[in-house]
PDB file of all heavy atoms in Angstrom:
ATOM      1  N   PHE A   1       0.835  -1.205   0.000  1.00  0.00           N
ATOM      2  CA  PHE A   1       0.000   0.000   0.000  1.00  0.00           C
ATOM      3  C   PHE A   1       0.868   1.252   0.000  1.00  0.00           C
ATOM      4  O   PHE A   1       0.621   2.198  -0.752  1.00  0.00           O
ATOM      5  CB  PHE A   1      -0.934   0.000   1.213  1.00  0.00           C
ATOM      6  CG  PHE A   1      -1.817   1.213   1.269  1.00  0.00           C
ATOM      7  CD1 PHE A   1      -2.947   1.290   0.468  1.00  0.00           C
ATOM      8  CD2 PHE A   1      -1.509   2.272   2.100  1.00  0.00           C
ATOM      9  CE1 PHE A   1      -3.767   2.413   0.503  1.00  0.00           C
ATOM     10  CE2 PHE A   1      -2.316   3.397   2.144  1.00  0.00           C
ATOM     11  CZ  PHE A   1      -3.450   3.470   1.337  1.00  0.00           C
ATOM     12  N   LEU A   2       1.895   1.283   0.843  1.00  0.00           N
ATOM     13  CA  LEU A   2       2.784   2.438   0.897  1.00  0.00           C
ATOM     14  C   LEU A   2       3.497   2.647  -0.440  1.00  0.00           C
ATOM     15  O   LEU A   2       3.678   3.780  -0.885  1.00  0.00           O
ATOM     16  CB  LEU A   2       3.791   2.290   2.037  1.00  0.00           C
ATOM     17  CG  LEU A   2       3.191   2.308   3.446  1.00  0.00           C
ATOM     18  CD1 LEU A   2       4.253   1.974   4.485  1.00  0.00           C
ATOM     19  CD2 LEU A   2       2.530   3.638   3.746  1.00  0.00           C
ATOM     20  N   ARG A   3       3.894   1.563  -1.084  1.00  0.00           N
ATOM     21  CA  ARG A   3       4.532   1.649  -2.402  1.00  0.00           C
ATOM     22  C   ARG A   3       3.555   2.205  -3.441  1.00  0.00           C
ATOM     23  O   ARG A   3       3.919   3.023  -4.285  1.00  0.00           O
ATOM     24  CB  ARG A   3       5.068   0.281  -2.825  1.00  0.00           C
ATOM     25  CG  ARG A   3       5.906   0.319  -4.086  1.00  0.00           C
ATOM     26  CD  ARG A   3       6.621  -0.998  -4.393  1.00  0.00           C
ATOM     27  NE  ARG A   3       5.801  -2.181  -4.254  1.00  0.00           N
ATOM     28  CZ  ARG A   3       5.925  -3.087  -3.284  1.00  0.00           C
ATOM     29  NH1 ARG A   3       6.839  -2.943  -2.343  1.00  0.00           N
ATOM     30  NH2 ARG A   3       5.133  -4.145  -3.223  1.00  0.00           N
ATOM     31  N   LEU A   4       2.279   1.786  -3.353  1.00  0.00           N
ATOM     32  CA  LEU A   4       1.255   2.297  -4.260  1.00  0.00           C
ATOM     33  C   LEU A   4       1.104   3.814  -4.097  1.00  0.00           C
ATOM     34  O   LEU A   4       1.076   4.558  -5.090  1.00  0.00           O
ATOM     35  CB  LEU A   4      -0.081   1.601  -3.992  1.00  0.00           C
ATOM     36  CG  LEU A   4      -1.283   2.104  -4.776  1.00  0.00           C
ATOM     37  CD1 LEU A   4      -1.119   1.760  -6.253  1.00  0.00           C
ATOM     38  CD2 LEU A   4      -2.556   1.499  -4.221  1.00  0.00           C
ATOM     39  N   ILE A   5       1.048   4.289  -2.864  1.00  0.00           N
ATOM     40  CA  ILE A   5       0.942   5.728  -2.608  1.00  0.00           C
ATOM     41  C   ILE A   5       2.198   6.441  -3.110  1.00  0.00           C
ATOM     42  O   ILE A   5       2.109   7.490  -3.759  1.00  0.00           O
ATOM     43  CB  ILE A   5       0.718   6.012  -1.101  1.00  0.00           C
ATOM     44  CG1 ILE A   5      -0.595   5.410  -0.611  1.00  0.00           C
ATOM     45  CG2 ILE A   5       0.784   7.509  -0.817  1.00  0.00           C
ATOM     46  CD1 ILE A   5      -1.839   6.017  -1.224  1.00  0.00           C
ATOM     47  N   ARG A   6       3.376   5.880  -2.831  1.00  0.00           N
ATOM     48  CA  ARG A   6       4.637   6.488  -3.288  1.00  0.00           C
ATOM     49  C   ARG A   6       4.640   6.614  -4.811  1.00  0.00           C
ATOM     50  O   ARG A   6       4.980   7.666  -5.353  1.00  0.00           O
ATOM     51  CB  ARG A   6       5.831   5.654  -2.834  1.00  0.00           C
ATOM     52  CG  ARG A   6       7.184   6.243  -3.240  1.00  0.00           C
ATOM     53  CD  ARG A   6       8.373   5.386  -2.809  1.00  0.00           C
ATOM     54  NE  ARG A   6       8.341   5.017  -1.404  1.00  0.00           N
ATOM     55  CZ  ARG A   6       8.098   3.784  -0.958  1.00  0.00           C
ATOM     56  NH1 ARG A   6       7.864   2.791  -1.778  1.00  0.00           N
ATOM     57  NH2 ARG A   6       8.102   3.541   0.337  1.00  0.00           N
ATOM     58  N   ASN A   7       4.238   5.554  -5.500  1.00  0.00           N
ATOM     59  CA  ASN A   7       4.211   5.587  -6.965  1.00  0.00           C
ATOM     60  C   ASN A   7       3.183   6.590  -7.485  1.00  0.00           C
ATOM     61  O   ASN A   7       3.429   7.271  -8.487  1.00  0.00           O
ATOM     62  CB  ASN A   7       3.939   4.199  -7.534  1.00  0.00           C
ATOM     63  CG  ASN A   7       5.119   3.270  -7.346  1.00  0.00           C
ATOM     64  OD1 ASN A   7       6.251   3.709  -7.171  1.00  0.00           O
ATOM     65  ND2 ASN A   7       4.864   1.976  -7.351  1.00  0.00           N
ATOM     66  N   MET A   8       2.057   6.697  -6.806  1.00  0.00           N
ATOM     67  CA  MET A   8       1.051   7.673  -7.212  1.00  0.00           C
ATOM     68  C   MET A   8       1.595   9.091  -7.071  1.00  0.00           C
ATOM     69  O   MET A   8       1.403   9.932  -7.943  1.00  0.00           O
ATOM     70  CB  MET A   8      -0.213   7.509  -6.379  1.00  0.00           C
ATOM     71  CG  MET A   8      -1.324   8.442  -6.795  1.00  0.00           C
ATOM     72  SD  MET A   8      -2.442   8.855  -5.458  1.00  0.00           S
ATOM     73  CE  MET A   8      -1.401   9.776  -4.364  1.00  0.00           C
ATOM     74  N   LEU A   9       2.302   9.343  -5.971  1.00  0.00           N
ATOM     75  CA  LEU A   9       2.860  10.675  -5.750  1.00  0.00           C
ATOM     76  C   LEU A   9       3.946  11.019  -6.768  1.00  0.00           C
ATOM     77  O   LEU A   9       4.110  12.172  -7.151  1.00  0.00           O
ATOM     78  CB  LEU A   9       3.432  10.781  -4.328  1.00  0.00           C
ATOM     79  CG  LEU A   9       2.420  10.743  -3.189  1.00  0.00           C
ATOM     80  CD1 LEU A   9       3.149  10.633  -1.851  1.00  0.00           C
ATOM     81  CD2 LEU A   9       1.517  11.959  -3.215  1.00  0.00           C
ATOM     82  N   LYS A  10       4.696  10.019  -7.216  1.00  0.00           N
ATOM     83  CA  LYS A  10       5.812  10.242  -8.141  1.00  0.00           C
ATOM     84  C   LYS A  10       5.422  10.069  -9.605  1.00  0.00           C
ATOM     85  O   LYS A  10       6.277  10.133 -10.486  1.00  0.00           O
ATOM     86  CB  LYS A  10       6.948   9.262  -7.826  1.00  0.00           C
ATOM     87  CG  LYS A  10       7.490   9.363  -6.433  1.00  0.00           C
ATOM     88  CD  LYS A  10       8.575  10.371  -6.354  1.00  0.00           C
ATOM     89  CE  LYS A  10       9.188  10.337  -4.963  1.00  0.00           C
ATOM     90  NZ  LYS A  10       9.800  11.562  -4.595  1.00  0.00           N
ATOM     91  N   ALA A  11       4.134   9.845  -9.880  1.00  0.00           N
ATOM     92  CA  ALA A  11       3.702   9.499 -11.244  1.00  0.00           C
ATOM     93  C   ALA A  11       4.016  10.572 -12.280  1.00  0.00           C
ATOM     94  O   ALA A  11       4.183  10.268 -13.446  1.00  0.00           O
ATOM     95  CB  ALA A  11       2.201   9.194 -11.254  1.00  0.00           C
ATOM     96  N   GLY A  12       4.084  11.812 -11.884  1.00  0.00           N
ATOM     97  CA  GLY A  12       4.349  12.872 -12.843  1.00  0.00           C
ATOM     98  C   GLY A  12       3.066  13.323 -13.531  1.00  0.00           C
ATOM     99  O   GLY A  12       1.974  12.886 -13.197  1.00  0.00           O
ATOM    100  N   TYR A  13       3.236  14.215 -14.506  1.00  0.00           N
ATOM    101  CA  TYR A  13       2.079  14.745 -15.217  1.00  0.00           C
ATOM    102  C   TYR A  13       2.489  15.201 -16.606  1.00  0.00           C
ATOM    103  O   TYR A  13       3.674  15.356 -16.911  1.00  0.00           O
ATOM    104  CB  TYR A  13       1.464  15.916 -14.432  1.00  0.00           C
ATOM    105  CG  TYR A  13       2.404  17.082 -14.221  1.00  0.00           C
ATOM    106  CD1 TYR A  13       2.353  18.187 -15.069  1.00  0.00           C
ATOM    107  CD2 TYR A  13       3.331  17.091 -13.184  1.00  0.00           C
ATOM    108  CE1 TYR A  13       3.213  19.263 -14.892  1.00  0.00           C
ATOM    109  CE2 TYR A  13       4.184  18.152 -13.004  1.00  0.00           C
ATOM    110  CZ  TYR A  13       4.124  19.239 -13.859  1.00  0.00           C
ATOM    111  OH  TYR A  13       4.980  20.291 -13.679  1.00  0.00           O
ATOM    112  N   LEU A  14       1.488  15.376 -17.452  1.00  0.00           N
ATOM    113  CA  LEU A  14       1.719  15.874 -18.806  1.00  0.00           C
ATOM    114  C   LEU A  14       1.337  17.343 -18.863  1.00  0.00           C
ATOM    115  O   LEU A  14       0.283  17.744 -18.380  1.00  0.00           O
ATOM    116  CB  LEU A  14       0.869  15.111 -19.823  1.00  0.00           C
ATOM    117  CG  LEU A  14       1.306  13.694 -20.159  1.00  0.00           C
ATOM    118  CD1 LEU A  14       0.309  13.057 -21.106  1.00  0.00           C
ATOM    119  CD2 LEU A  14       2.692  13.689 -20.767  1.00  0.00           C
ATOM    120  N   GLU A  15       2.215  18.134 -19.471  1.00  0.00           N
ATOM    121  CA  GLU A  15       1.924  19.544 -19.710  1.00  0.00           C
ATOM    122  C   GLU A  15       2.363  19.847 -21.135  1.00  0.00           C
ATOM    123  O   GLU A  15       3.528  19.647 -21.488  1.00  0.00           O
ATOM    124  CB  GLU A  15       2.668  20.426 -18.717  1.00  0.00           C
ATOM    125  CG  GLU A  15       2.307  21.885 -18.850  1.00  0.00           C
ATOM    126  CD  GLU A  15       2.964  22.728 -17.776  1.00  0.00           C
ATOM    127  OE1 GLU A  15       2.968  22.321 -16.603  1.00  0.00           O
ATOM    128  OE2 GLU A  15       3.484  23.795 -18.128  1.00  0.00           O
ATOM    129  N   ASP A  16       1.420  20.305 -21.940  1.00  0.00           N
ATOM    130  CA  ASP A  16       1.688  20.552 -23.368  1.00  0.00           C
ATOM    131  C   ASP A  16       2.296  19.315 -24.035  1.00  0.00           C
ATOM    132  O   ASP A  16       3.282  19.402 -24.758  1.00  0.00           O
ATOM    133  CB  ASP A  16       2.609  21.766 -23.541  1.00  0.00           C
ATOM    134  CG  ASP A  16       1.993  23.041 -23.036  1.00  0.00           C
ATOM    135  OD1 ASP A  16       0.757  23.183 -23.149  1.00  0.00           O
ATOM    136  OD2 ASP A  16       2.741  23.896 -22.516  1.00  0.00           O
ATOM    137  N   LEU A  17       1.710  18.149 -23.715  1.00  0.00           N
ATOM    138  CA  LEU A  17       2.129  16.851 -24.247  1.00  0.00           C
ATOM    139  C   LEU A  17       3.571  16.493 -23.901  1.00  0.00           C
ATOM    140  O   LEU A  17       4.202  15.693 -24.562  1.00  0.00           O
ATOM    141  CB  LEU A  17       1.917  16.799 -25.768  1.00  0.00           C
ATOM    142  CG  LEU A  17       0.461  16.949 -26.220  1.00  0.00           C
ATOM    143  CD1 LEU A  17       0.386  16.947 -27.730  1.00  0.00           C
ATOM    144  CD2 LEU A  17      -0.408  15.869 -25.631  1.00  0.00           C
ATOM    145  N   GLU A  18       4.094  17.089 -22.837  1.00  0.00           N
ATOM    146  CA  GLU A  18       5.443  16.781 -22.382  1.00  0.00           C
ATOM    147  C   GLU A  18       5.371  16.268 -20.951  1.00  0.00           C
ATOM    148  O   GLU A  18       4.734  16.872 -20.095  1.00  0.00           O
ATOM    149  CB  GLU A  18       6.303  18.048 -22.445  1.00  0.00           C
ATOM    150  CG  GLU A  18       7.755  17.784 -22.125  1.00  0.00           C
ATOM    151  CD  GLU A  18       8.595  19.049 -22.296  1.00  0.00           C
ATOM    152  OE1 GLU A  18       8.349  19.827 -23.228  1.00  0.00           O
ATOM    153  OE2 GLU A  18       9.492  19.244 -21.454  1.00  0.00           O
ATOM    154  N   TYR A  19       6.026  15.124 -20.691  1.00  0.00           N
ATOM    155  CA  TYR A  19       6.032  14.529 -19.361  1.00  0.00           C
ATOM    156  C   TYR A  19       6.916  15.352 -18.423  1.00  0.00           C
ATOM    157  O   TYR A  19       8.014  15.750 -18.777  1.00  0.00           O
ATOM    158  CB  TYR A  19       6.545  13.083 -19.411  1.00  0.00           C
ATOM    159  CG  TYR A  19       6.725  12.478 -18.042  1.00  0.00           C
ATOM    160  CD1 TYR A  19       5.637  12.011 -17.325  1.00  0.00           C
ATOM    161  CD2 TYR A  19       7.982  12.397 -17.451  1.00  0.00           C
ATOM    162  CE1 TYR A  19       5.785  11.477 -16.057  1.00  0.00           C
ATOM    163  CE2 TYR A  19       8.144  11.860 -16.179  1.00  0.00           C
ATOM    164  CZ  TYR A  19       7.035  11.405 -15.495  1.00  0.00           C
ATOM    165  OH  TYR A  19       7.204  10.882 -14.236  1.00  0.00           O
ATOM    166  N   ARG A  20       6.424  15.586 -17.219  1.00  0.00           N
ATOM    167  CA  ARG A  20       7.191  16.297 -16.192  1.00  0.00           C
ATOM    168  C   ARG A  20       7.135  15.492 -14.899  1.00  0.00           C
ATOM    169  O   ARG A  20       6.096  14.976 -14.534  1.00  0.00           O
ATOM    170  CB  ARG A  20       6.635  17.694 -15.965  1.00  0.00           C
ATOM    171  CG  ARG A  20       6.716  18.536 -17.225  1.00  0.00           C
ATOM    172  CD  ARG A  20       6.182  19.926 -16.971  1.00  0.00           C
ATOM    173  NE  ARG A  20       6.036  20.619 -18.219  1.00  0.00           N
ATOM    174  CZ  ARG A  20       6.911  21.501 -18.686  1.00  0.00           C
ATOM    175  NH1 ARG A  20       7.983  21.775 -18.005  1.00  0.00           N
ATOM    176  NH2 ARG A  20       6.708  22.097 -19.839  1.00  0.00           N
ATOM    177  N   GLU A  21       8.287  15.407 -14.223  1.00  0.00           N
ATOM    178  CA  GLU A  21       8.351  14.688 -12.951  1.00  0.00           C
ATOM    179  C   GLU A  21       7.621  15.444 -11.859  1.00  0.00           C
ATOM    180  O   GLU A  21       7.564  16.671 -11.888  1.00  0.00           O
ATOM    181  CB  GLU A  21       9.813  14.516 -12.517  1.00  0.00           C
ATOM    182  CG  GLU A  21      10.511  13.367 -13.146  1.00  0.00           C
ATOM    183  CD  GLU A  21      11.882  13.135 -12.515  1.00  0.00           C
ATOM    184  OE1 GLU A  21      12.143  13.657 -11.407  1.00  0.00           O
ATOM    185  OE2 GLU A  21      12.665  12.434 -13.134  1.00  0.00           O
ATOM    186  N   THR A  22       7.110  14.703 -10.901  1.00  0.00           N
ATOM    187  CA  THR A  22       6.505  15.304  -9.719  1.00  0.00           C
ATOM    188  C   THR A  22       7.510  15.168  -8.587  1.00  0.00           C
ATOM    189  O   THR A  22       7.837  14.064  -8.173  1.00  0.00           O
ATOM    190  CB  THR A  22       5.203  14.569  -9.340  1.00  0.00           C
ATOM    191  OG1 THR A  22       4.360  14.550 -10.463  1.00  0.00           O
ATOM    192  CG2 THR A  22       4.506  15.263  -8.204  1.00  0.00           C
ATOM    193  N   LEU A  23       8.006  16.298  -8.099  1.00  0.00           N
ATOM    194  CA  LEU A  23       9.010  16.270  -7.041  1.00  0.00           C
ATOM    195  C   LEU A  23       8.397  16.477  -5.656  1.00  0.00           C
ATOM    196  O   LEU A  23       8.994  16.132  -4.648  1.00  0.00           O
ATOM    197  CB  LEU A  23      10.065  17.344  -7.300  1.00  0.00           C
ATOM    198  CG  LEU A  23      10.760  17.234  -8.660  1.00  0.00           C
ATOM    199  CD1 LEU A  23      11.680  18.411  -8.884  1.00  0.00           C
ATOM    200  CD2 LEU A  23      11.514  15.920  -8.766  1.00  0.00           C
ATOM    201  N   GLY A  24       7.210  17.028  -5.614  1.00  0.00           N
ATOM    202  CA  GLY A  24       6.543  17.267  -4.341  1.00  0.00           C
ATOM    203  C   GLY A  24       5.066  17.499  -4.583  1.00  0.00           C
ATOM    204  O   GLY A  24       4.627  17.700  -5.714  1.00  0.00           O
ATOM    205  N   GLY A  25       4.308  17.469  -3.535  1.00  0.00           N
ATOM    206  CA  GLY A  25       2.885  17.731  -3.634  1.00  0.00           C
ATOM    207  C   GLY A  25       2.069  16.500  -3.975  1.00  0.00           C
ATOM    208  O   GLY A  25       2.592  15.433  -4.255  1.00  0.00           O
ATOM    209  N   CYS A  26       0.762  16.680  -3.921  1.00  0.00           N
ATOM    210  CA  CYS A  26      -0.205  15.644  -4.296  1.00  0.00           C
ATOM    211  C   CYS A  26      -0.808  16.037  -5.632  1.00  0.00           C
ATOM    212  O   CYS A  26      -1.021  17.211  -5.882  1.00  0.00           O
ATOM    213  CB  CYS A  26      -1.342  15.564  -3.278  1.00  0.00           C
ATOM    214  SG  CYS A  26      -0.957  14.669  -1.802  1.00  0.00           S
ATOM    215  N   PRO A  27      -1.131  15.054  -6.453  1.00  0.00           N
ATOM    216  CA  PRO A  27      -1.753  15.398  -7.733  1.00  0.00           C
ATOM    217  C   PRO A  27      -3.101  16.081  -7.516  1.00  0.00           C
ATOM    218  O   PRO A  27      -3.967  15.537  -6.850  1.00  0.00           O
ATOM    219  CB  PRO A  27      -1.933  14.060  -8.431  1.00  0.00           C
ATOM    220  CG  PRO A  27      -1.362  13.019  -7.552  1.00  0.00           C
ATOM    221  CD  PRO A  27      -0.965  13.634  -6.269  1.00  0.00           C
ATOM    222  N   GLN A  28      -3.241  17.287  -8.048  1.00  0.00           N
ATOM    223  CA  GLN A  28      -4.520  17.977  -7.912  1.00  0.00           C
ATOM    224  C   GLN A  28      -5.546  17.264  -8.772  1.00  0.00           C
ATOM    225  O   GLN A  28      -5.277  16.902  -9.907  1.00  0.00           O
ATOM    226  CB  GLN A  28      -4.376  19.436  -8.316  1.00  0.00           C
ATOM    227  CG  GLN A  28      -3.537  20.187  -7.328  1.00  0.00           C
ATOM    228  CD  GLN A  28      -3.638  21.680  -7.509  1.00  0.00           C
ATOM    229  OE1 GLN A  28      -4.488  22.171  -8.204  1.00  0.00           O
ATOM    230  NE2 GLN A  28      -2.739  22.396  -6.853  1.00  0.00           N
ATOM    231  N   GLY A  29      -6.691  17.030  -8.208  1.00  0.00           N
ATOM    232  CA  GLY A  29      -7.726  16.289  -8.906  1.00  0.00           C
ATOM    233  C   GLY A  29      -7.649  14.794  -8.640  1.00  0.00           C
ATOM    234  O   GLY A  29      -8.521  14.045  -9.027  1.00  0.00           O
ATOM    235  N   GLY A  30      -6.588  14.343  -7.977  1.00  0.00           N
ATOM    236  CA  GLY A  30      -6.468  12.939  -7.619  1.00  0.00           C
ATOM    237  C   GLY A  30      -7.478  12.585  -6.546  1.00  0.00           C
ATOM    238  O   GLY A  30      -7.760  13.398  -5.659  1.00  0.00           O
ATOM    239  N   VAL A  31      -8.007  11.372  -6.605  1.00  0.00           N
ATOM    240  CA  VAL A  31      -9.070  10.998  -5.668  1.00  0.00           C
ATOM    241  C   VAL A  31      -8.581  10.896  -4.222  1.00  0.00           C
ATOM    242  O   VAL A  31      -9.353  11.086  -3.298  1.00  0.00           O
ATOM    243  CB  VAL A  31      -9.767   9.681  -6.090  1.00  0.00           C
ATOM    244  CG1 VAL A  31     -10.528   9.867  -7.379  1.00  0.00           C
ATOM    245  CG2 VAL A  31      -8.777   8.548  -6.198  1.00  0.00           C
ATOM    246  N   VAL A  32      -7.298  10.609  -4.014  1.00  0.00           N
ATOM    247  CA  VAL A  32      -6.801  10.501  -2.643  1.00  0.00           C
ATOM    248  C   VAL A  32      -6.107  11.766  -2.159  1.00  0.00           C
ATOM    249  O   VAL A  32      -5.731  11.855  -0.992  1.00  0.00           O
ATOM    250  CB  VAL A  32      -5.854   9.290  -2.463  1.00  0.00           C
ATOM    251  CG1 VAL A  32      -6.578   7.993  -2.719  1.00  0.00           C
ATOM    252  CG2 VAL A  32      -4.628   9.413  -3.314  1.00  0.00           C
ATOM    253  N   SER A  33      -5.935  12.747  -3.018  1.00  0.00           N
ATOM    254  CA  SER A  33      -5.223  13.969  -2.632  1.00  0.00           C
ATOM    255  C   SER A  33      -5.844  14.673  -1.439  1.00  0.00           C
ATOM    256  O   SER A  33      -5.120  15.083  -0.525  1.00  0.00           O
ATOM    257  CB  SER A  33      -5.114  14.917  -3.817  1.00  0.00           C
ATOM    258  OG  SER A  33      -4.311  14.333  -4.821  1.00  0.00           O
ATOM    259  N   PRO A  34      -7.175  14.837  -1.374  1.00  0.00           N
ATOM    260  CA  PRO A  34      -7.745  15.513  -0.193  1.00  0.00           C
ATOM    261  C   PRO A  34      -7.463  14.764   1.111  1.00  0.00           C
ATOM    262  O   PRO A  34      -7.131  15.390   2.118  1.00  0.00           O
ATOM    263  CB  PRO A  34      -9.243  15.563  -0.493  1.00  0.00           C
ATOM    264  CG  PRO A  34      -9.347  15.479  -1.975  1.00  0.00           C
ATOM    265  CD  PRO A  34      -8.206  14.604  -2.395  1.00  0.00           C
ATOM    266  N   ILE A  35      -7.567  13.451   1.109  1.00  0.00           N
ATOM    267  CA  ILE A  35      -7.330  12.709   2.351  1.00  0.00           C
ATOM    268  C   ILE A  35      -5.851  12.743   2.729  1.00  0.00           C
ATOM    269  O   ILE A  35      -5.506  12.890   3.896  1.00  0.00           O
ATOM    270  CB  ILE A  35      -7.871  11.253   2.284  1.00  0.00           C
ATOM    271  CG1 ILE A  35      -7.834  10.585   3.666  1.00  0.00           C
ATOM    272  CG2 ILE A  35      -7.089  10.406   1.327  1.00  0.00           C
ATOM    273  CD1 ILE A  35      -8.869  11.047   4.599  1.00  0.00           C
ATOM    274  N   LEU A  36      -4.955  12.644   1.736  1.00  0.00           N
ATOM    275  CA  LEU A  36      -3.527  12.722   2.039  1.00  0.00           C
ATOM    276  C   LEU A  36      -3.168  14.103   2.594  1.00  0.00           C
ATOM    277  O   LEU A  36      -2.389  14.218   3.534  1.00  0.00           O
ATOM    278  CB  LEU A  36      -2.693  12.399   0.798  1.00  0.00           C
ATOM    279  CG  LEU A  36      -2.773  10.961   0.300  1.00  0.00           C
ATOM    280  CD1 LEU A  36      -1.974  10.795  -0.986  1.00  0.00           C
ATOM    281  CD2 LEU A  36      -2.304   9.979   1.358  1.00  0.00           C
ATOM    282  N   SER A  37      -3.759  15.133   2.030  1.00  0.00           N
ATOM    283  CA  SER A  37      -3.519  16.491   2.531  1.00  0.00           C
ATOM    284  C   SER A  37      -4.025  16.633   3.953  1.00  0.00           C
ATOM    285  O   SER A  37      -3.359  17.247   4.798  1.00  0.00           O
ATOM    286  CB  SER A  37      -4.210  17.517   1.641  1.00  0.00           C
ATOM    287  OG  SER A  37      -3.679  17.475   0.349  1.00  0.00           O
ATOM    288  N   ASN A  38      -5.184  16.081   4.244  1.00  0.00           N
ATOM    289  CA  ASN A  38      -5.732  16.159   5.600  1.00  0.00           C
ATOM    290  C   ASN A  38      -4.884  15.391   6.602  1.00  0.00           C
ATOM    291  O   ASN A  38      -4.713  15.826   7.742  1.00  0.00           O
ATOM    292  CB  ASN A  38      -7.178  15.670   5.627  1.00  0.00           C
ATOM    293  CG  ASN A  38      -8.136  16.734   5.162  1.00  0.00           C
ATOM    294  OD1 ASN A  38      -7.947  17.905   5.450  1.00  0.00           O
ATOM    295  ND2 ASN A  38      -9.162  16.333   4.439  1.00  0.00           N
ATOM    296  N   ILE A  39      -4.333  14.259   6.200  1.00  0.00           N
ATOM    297  CA  ILE A  39      -3.439  13.495   7.074  1.00  0.00           C
ATOM    298  C   ILE A  39      -2.200  14.332   7.402  1.00  0.00           C
ATOM    299  O   ILE A  39      -1.763  14.419   8.544  1.00  0.00           O
ATOM    300  CB  ILE A  39      -3.070  12.140   6.427  1.00  0.00           C
ATOM    301  CG1 ILE A  39      -4.289  11.225   6.400  1.00  0.00           C
ATOM    302  CG2 ILE A  39      -1.887  11.490   7.144  1.00  0.00           C
ATOM    303  CD1 ILE A  39      -4.124   9.983   5.551  1.00  0.00           C
ATOM    304  N   TYR A  40      -1.637  14.951   6.383  1.00  0.00           N
ATOM    305  CA  TYR A  40      -0.451  15.803   6.535  1.00  0.00           C
ATOM    306  C   TYR A  40      -0.762  16.987   7.453  1.00  0.00           C
ATOM    307  O   TYR A  40      -0.011  17.281   8.387  1.00  0.00           O
ATOM    308  CB  TYR A  40      -0.044  16.287   5.145  1.00  0.00           C
ATOM    309  CG  TYR A  40       1.356  16.813   4.994  1.00  0.00           C
ATOM    310  CD1 TYR A  40       2.380  15.976   4.562  1.00  0.00           C
ATOM    311  CD2 TYR A  40       1.660  18.149   5.214  1.00  0.00           C
ATOM    312  CE1 TYR A  40       3.661  16.456   4.363  1.00  0.00           C
ATOM    313  CE2 TYR A  40       2.939  18.637   5.027  1.00  0.00           C
ATOM    314  CZ  TYR A  40       3.936  17.787   4.604  1.00  0.00           C
ATOM    315  OH  TYR A  40       5.206  18.256   4.408  1.00  0.00           O
ATOM    316  N   LEU A  41      -1.873  17.667   7.181  1.00  0.00           N
ATOM    317  CA  LEU A  41      -2.249  18.833   7.977  1.00  0.00           C
ATOM    318  C   LEU A  41      -2.578  18.453   9.427  1.00  0.00           C
ATOM    319  O   LEU A  41      -2.298  19.220  10.359  1.00  0.00           O
ATOM    320  CB  LEU A  41      -3.427  19.565   7.344  1.00  0.00           C
ATOM    321  CG  LEU A  41      -3.108  20.271   6.025  1.00  0.00           C
ATOM    322  CD1 LEU A  41      -4.385  20.790   5.385  1.00  0.00           C
ATOM    323  CD2 LEU A  41      -2.102  21.380   6.222  1.00  0.00           C
ATOM    324  N   HIS A  42      -3.150  17.260   9.618  1.00  0.00           N
ATOM    325  CA  HIS A  42      -3.440  16.794  10.973  1.00  0.00           C
ATOM    326  C   HIS A  42      -2.144  16.660  11.769  1.00  0.00           C
ATOM    327  O   HIS A  42      -2.077  17.029  12.948  1.00  0.00           O
ATOM    328  CB  HIS A  42      -4.182  15.459  10.925  1.00  0.00           C
ATOM    329  CG  HIS A  42      -4.443  14.882  12.274  1.00  0.00           C
ATOM    330  ND1 HIS A  42      -5.363  15.412  13.144  1.00  0.00           N
ATOM    331  CD2 HIS A  42      -3.874  13.832  12.913  1.00  0.00           C
ATOM    332  CE1 HIS A  42      -5.357  14.705  14.261  1.00  0.00           C
ATOM    333  NE2 HIS A  42      -4.461  13.749  14.151  1.00  0.00           N
TER     334      HIS A  42
END
């Protein structure tokens, strides 16, 4: 489970059809992003 979350956080994103690494943060619009943010803020 922890590996799944780690991979989700590091998945990266496409911008103008170019792949970019994700170095920090939660993917905006991701289904688990609000809960992960709340865990962090807690």
